[in-house]
Amino acid sequence: MTVMDDWVTAACAELGLDRAEVPVPTVLDLAKDVAHQVLRPGAPVTAYLLGVAVGRGADPAAAAARLSALAGTWPVELDGTAPAE
């Protein structure tokens, strides 16, 4: 097991979640897309939003794909700020 596996297993036990239902690669890929294409602090917030959506019944893979696609189209200036409207 890796440290990530150990952490996710322990966190799931703490929260009463089924470890098998946690799509770690999907969440990590989404966080990478947001961090690199939108804004680094947006990654954990987006992961939380994904969790809220999944908690309300959204399919994890589909919701993550939609958010990744949104991140891929997000306009970012070279200095990392959003363009002025």
N, C-alpha and C. Protein backbone atom coordinates (compact mmCIF):
# COMPACT_ATOMS: atom_id res chain seq x y z
N MET A 1 0.84 -1.20 0.00
CA MET A 1 0.00 0.00 0.00
C MET A 1 0.88 1.25 0.00
N THR A 2 0.33 2.29 -0.59
CA THR A 2 1.02 3.58 -0.59
C THR A 2 0.48 4.44 0.54
N VAL A 3 1.13 5.54 0.78
CA VAL A 3 0.65 6.49 1.79
C VAL A 3 -0.74 6.98 1.40
N MET A 4 -0.97 7.22 0.10
CA MET A 4 -2.29 7.65 -0.35
C MET A 4 -3.34 6.60 -0.03
N ASP A 5 -3.04 5.33 -0.32
CA ASP A 5 -3.97 4.25 0.00
C ASP A 5 -4.28 4.20 1.49
N ASP A 6 -3.22 4.30 2.29
CA ASP A 6 -3.40 4.28 3.74
C ASP A 6 -4.26 5.44 4.21
N TRP A 7 -3.99 6.64 3.66
CA TRP A 7 -4.74 7.83 4.06
C TRP A 7 -6.21 7.70 3.68
N VAL A 8 -6.48 7.33 2.43
CA VAL A 8 -7.87 7.23 1.97
C VAL A 8 -8.62 6.16 2.76
N THR A 9 -7.97 5.05 3.04
CA THR A 9 -8.59 3.99 3.84
C THR A 9 -8.93 4.50 5.23
N ALA A 10 -7.99 5.19 5.86
CA ALA A 10 -8.23 5.73 7.21
C ALA A 10 -9.30 6.82 7.20
N ALA A 11 -9.26 7.71 6.19
CA ALA A 11 -10.26 8.78 6.12
C ALA A 11 -11.65 8.20 5.88
N CYS A 12 -11.74 7.19 5.02
CA CYS A 12 -13.03 6.54 4.79
C CYS A 12 -13.56 5.90 6.07
N ALA A 13 -12.69 5.23 6.80
CA ALA A 13 -13.11 4.62 8.07
C ALA A 13 -13.60 5.69 9.03
N GLU A 14 -12.90 6.79 9.08
CA GLU A 14 -13.29 7.89 9.99
C GLU A 14 -14.65 8.46 9.65
N LEU A 15 -14.96 8.52 8.35
CA LEU A 15 -16.22 9.12 7.90
C LEU A 15 -17.32 8.09 7.62
N GLY A 16 -17.01 6.81 7.83
CA GLY A 16 -18.01 5.78 7.60
C GLY A 16 -18.32 5.57 6.12
N LEU A 17 -17.31 5.74 5.26
CA LEU A 17 -17.49 5.58 3.82
C LEU A 17 -16.89 4.26 3.36
N ASP A 18 -17.39 3.77 2.24
CA ASP A 18 -16.87 2.56 1.64
C ASP A 18 -15.68 2.93 0.76
N ARG A 19 -14.51 2.45 1.08
CA ARG A 19 -13.28 2.77 0.35
C ARG A 19 -13.40 2.42 -1.13
N ALA A 20 -14.13 1.38 -1.45
CA ALA A 20 -14.28 0.95 -2.83
C ALA A 20 -15.04 1.96 -3.68
N GLU A 21 -15.77 2.86 -3.05
CA GLU A 21 -16.55 3.86 -3.77
C GLU A 21 -15.80 5.17 -3.98
N VAL A 22 -14.52 5.22 -3.62
CA VAL A 22 -13.74 6.45 -3.74
C VAL A 22 -12.86 6.36 -4.99
N PRO A 23 -13.20 7.14 -6.05
CA PRO A 23 -12.44 7.09 -7.29
C PRO A 23 -11.20 8.01 -7.22
N VAL A 24 -10.20 7.59 -6.49
CA VAL A 24 -9.01 8.42 -6.26
C VAL A 24 -8.40 8.94 -7.56
N PRO A 25 -8.16 8.09 -8.57
CA PRO A 25 -7.56 8.61 -9.80
C PRO A 25 -8.42 9.69 -10.47
N THR A 26 -9.73 9.53 -10.42
CA THR A 26 -10.64 10.53 -11.01
C THR A 26 -10.51 11.86 -10.29
N VAL A 27 -10.49 11.83 -8.97
CA VAL A 27 -10.38 13.06 -8.19
C VAL A 27 -9.02 13.72 -8.42
N LEU A 28 -7.96 12.92 -8.45
CA LEU A 28 -6.62 13.48 -8.67
C LEU A 28 -6.49 14.09 -10.07
N ASP A 29 -7.04 13.44 -11.07
CA ASP A 29 -6.99 13.98 -12.42
C ASP A 29 -7.76 15.30 -12.52
N LEU A 30 -8.93 15.35 -11.90
CA LEU A 30 -9.70 16.58 -11.89
C LEU A 30 -8.94 17.69 -11.18
N ALA A 31 -8.37 17.39 -10.03
CA ALA A 31 -7.60 18.40 -9.28
C ALA A 31 -6.43 18.92 -10.11
N LYS A 32 -5.76 18.02 -10.83
CA LYS A 32 -4.64 18.42 -11.69
C LYS A 32 -5.12 19.36 -12.78
N ASP A 33 -6.24 19.02 -13.42
CA ASP A 33 -6.76 19.86 -14.50
C ASP A 33 -7.09 21.26 -14.00
N VAL A 34 -7.76 21.33 -12.86
CA VAL A 34 -8.14 22.64 -12.31
C VAL A 34 -6.91 23.41 -11.86
N ALA A 35 -5.99 22.75 -11.18
CA ALA A 35 -4.79 23.43 -10.68
C ALA A 35 -3.95 24.00 -11.83
N HIS A 36 -3.86 23.27 -12.93
CA HIS A 36 -3.00 23.70 -14.03
C HIS A 36 -3.69 24.61 -15.03
N GLN A 37 -5.01 24.50 -15.15
CA GLN A 37 -5.72 25.25 -16.18
C GLN A 37 -6.57 26.39 -15.65
N VAL A 38 -6.81 26.39 -14.35
CA VAL A 38 -7.64 27.46 -13.77
C VAL A 38 -6.83 28.18 -12.69
N LEU A 39 -6.69 27.54 -11.54
CA LEU A 39 -6.02 28.16 -10.41
C LEU A 39 -5.74 27.08 -9.37
N ARG A 40 -4.52 27.05 -8.84
CA ARG A 40 -4.14 25.99 -7.89
C ARG A 40 -5.12 25.86 -6.72
N PRO A 41 -5.48 26.98 -6.04
CA PRO A 41 -6.42 26.82 -4.92
C PRO A 41 -7.81 26.35 -5.35
N GLY A 42 -8.09 26.41 -6.63
CA GLY A 42 -9.38 25.92 -7.11
C GLY A 42 -9.47 24.41 -7.07
N ALA A 43 -8.33 23.72 -7.02
CA ALA A 43 -8.34 22.25 -7.04
C ALA A 43 -9.06 21.64 -5.85
N PRO A 44 -8.71 22.01 -4.61
CA PRO A 44 -9.43 21.39 -3.49
C PRO A 44 -10.88 21.83 -3.41
N VAL A 45 -11.16 23.06 -3.81
CA VAL A 45 -12.55 23.53 -3.80
C VAL A 45 -13.37 22.74 -4.82
N THR A 46 -12.78 22.51 -5.99
CA THR A 46 -13.47 21.74 -7.02
C THR A 46 -13.68 20.29 -6.58
N ALA A 47 -12.70 19.72 -5.90
CA ALA A 47 -12.85 18.36 -5.37
C ALA A 47 -14.01 18.31 -4.38
N TYR A 48 -14.13 19.34 -3.57
CA TYR A 48 -15.26 19.42 -2.63
C TYR A 48 -16.58 19.51 -3.39
N LEU A 49 -16.62 20.38 -4.41
CA LEU A 49 -17.84 20.52 -5.21
C LEU A 49 -18.22 19.20 -5.88
N LEU A 50 -17.22 18.47 -6.36
CA LEU A 50 -17.48 17.15 -6.93
C LEU A 50 -18.12 16.25 -5.89
N GLY A 51 -17.58 16.27 -4.68
CA GLY A 51 -18.13 15.46 -3.60
C GLY A 51 -19.57 15.82 -3.26
N VAL A 52 -19.86 17.11 -3.26
CA VAL A 52 -21.24 17.54 -3.00
C VAL A 52 -22.16 17.03 -4.10
N ALA A 53 -21.72 17.16 -5.36
CA ALA A 53 -22.54 16.70 -6.48
C ALA A 53 -22.77 15.19 -6.41
N VAL A 54 -21.72 14.45 -6.09
CA VAL A 54 -21.85 12.99 -5.98
C VAL A 54 -22.77 12.64 -4.81
N GLY A 55 -22.64 13.36 -3.72
CA GLY A 55 -23.50 13.14 -2.57
C GLY A 55 -24.97 13.38 -2.89
N ARG A 56 -25.21 14.21 -3.89
CA ARG A 56 -26.58 14.50 -4.32
C ARG A 56 -27.03 13.62 -5.47
N GLY A 57 -26.20 12.61 -5.80
CA GLY A 57 -26.63 11.63 -6.78
C GLY A 57 -25.93 11.67 -8.13
N ALA A 58 -25.02 12.62 -8.36
CA ALA A 58 -24.32 12.68 -9.65
C ALA A 58 -23.37 11.50 -9.79
N ASP A 59 -23.19 11.06 -11.02
CA ASP A 59 -22.21 10.02 -11.31
C ASP A 59 -20.81 10.64 -11.18
N PRO A 60 -19.92 10.05 -10.38
CA PRO A 60 -18.60 10.65 -10.15
C PRO A 60 -17.79 10.87 -11.43
N ALA A 61 -17.75 9.88 -12.31
CA ALA A 61 -16.96 10.00 -13.53
C ALA A 61 -17.54 11.07 -14.46
N ALA A 62 -18.85 11.09 -14.59
CA ALA A 62 -19.49 12.07 -15.47
C ALA A 62 -19.32 13.49 -14.94
N ALA A 63 -19.51 13.66 -13.65
CA ALA A 63 -19.36 15.00 -13.05
C ALA A 63 -17.91 15.48 -13.16
N ALA A 64 -16.96 14.58 -12.91
CA ALA A 64 -15.55 14.96 -13.02
C ALA A 64 -15.20 15.31 -14.47
N ALA A 65 -15.73 14.57 -15.42
CA ALA A 65 -15.47 14.85 -16.83
C ALA A 65 -16.02 16.22 -17.21
N ARG A 66 -17.21 16.55 -16.73
CA ARG A 66 -17.79 17.87 -17.03
C ARG A 66 -16.94 18.98 -16.44
N LEU A 67 -16.48 18.80 -15.21
CA LEU A 67 -15.64 19.82 -14.58
C LEU A 67 -14.28 19.93 -15.26
N SER A 68 -13.70 18.81 -15.66
CA SER A 68 -12.42 18.85 -16.37
C SER A 68 -12.57 19.56 -17.70
N ALA A 69 -13.67 19.30 -18.40
CA ALA A 69 -13.92 19.98 -19.67
C ALA A 69 -14.08 21.48 -19.45
N LEU A 70 -14.78 21.86 -18.39
CA LEU A 70 -14.93 23.28 -18.07
C LEU A 70 -13.57 23.91 -17.79
N ALA A 71 -12.75 23.22 -17.03
CA ALA A 71 -11.40 23.74 -16.73
C ALA A 71 -10.59 23.90 -18.01
N GLY A 72 -10.77 22.98 -18.95
CA GLY A 72 -10.02 23.04 -20.20
C GLY A 72 -10.38 24.22 -21.07
N THR A 73 -11.54 24.80 -20.85
CA THR A 73 -11.97 25.95 -21.64
C THR A 73 -11.84 27.26 -20.86
N TRP A 74 -11.36 27.18 -19.63
CA TRP A 74 -11.32 28.37 -18.77
C TRP A 74 -10.26 29.36 -19.28
N PRO A 75 -10.65 30.62 -19.49
CA PRO A 75 -9.67 31.61 -19.97
C PRO A 75 -8.76 32.09 -18.85
N VAL A 76 -7.47 32.00 -19.09
CA VAL A 76 -6.51 32.43 -18.08
C VAL A 76 -5.46 33.31 -18.75
N GLU A 77 -5.16 34.42 -18.14
CA GLU A 77 -4.11 35.31 -18.62
C GLU A 77 -2.76 34.72 -18.24
N LEU A 78 -1.70 35.20 -18.83
CA LEU A 78 -0.37 34.69 -18.53
C LEU A 78 0.04 34.87 -17.09
N ASP A 79 -0.51 35.87 -16.42
CA ASP A 79 -0.16 36.09 -15.01
C ASP A 79 -1.01 35.27 -14.07
N GLY A 80 -1.91 34.43 -14.62
CA GLY A 80 -2.73 33.55 -13.81
C GLY A 80 -4.06 34.15 -13.37
N THR A 81 -4.37 35.36 -13.84
CA THR A 81 -5.63 35.97 -13.47
C THR A 81 -6.63 35.83 -14.62
N ALA A 82 -7.90 35.92 -14.28
CA ALA A 82 -8.92 35.85 -15.31
C ALA A 82 -8.88 37.14 -16.12
N PRO A 83 -9.19 37.07 -17.41
CA PRO A 83 -9.19 38.28 -18.22
C PRO A 83 -10.29 39.24 -17.79
N ALA A 84 -10.03 40.52 -17.98
CA ALA A 84 -11.04 41.53 -17.64
C ALA A 84 -12.21 41.42 -18.58
N GLU A 85 -13.41 41.66 -18.06
CA GLU A 85 -14.60 41.58 -18.90
C GLU A 85 -15.00 42.94 -19.35
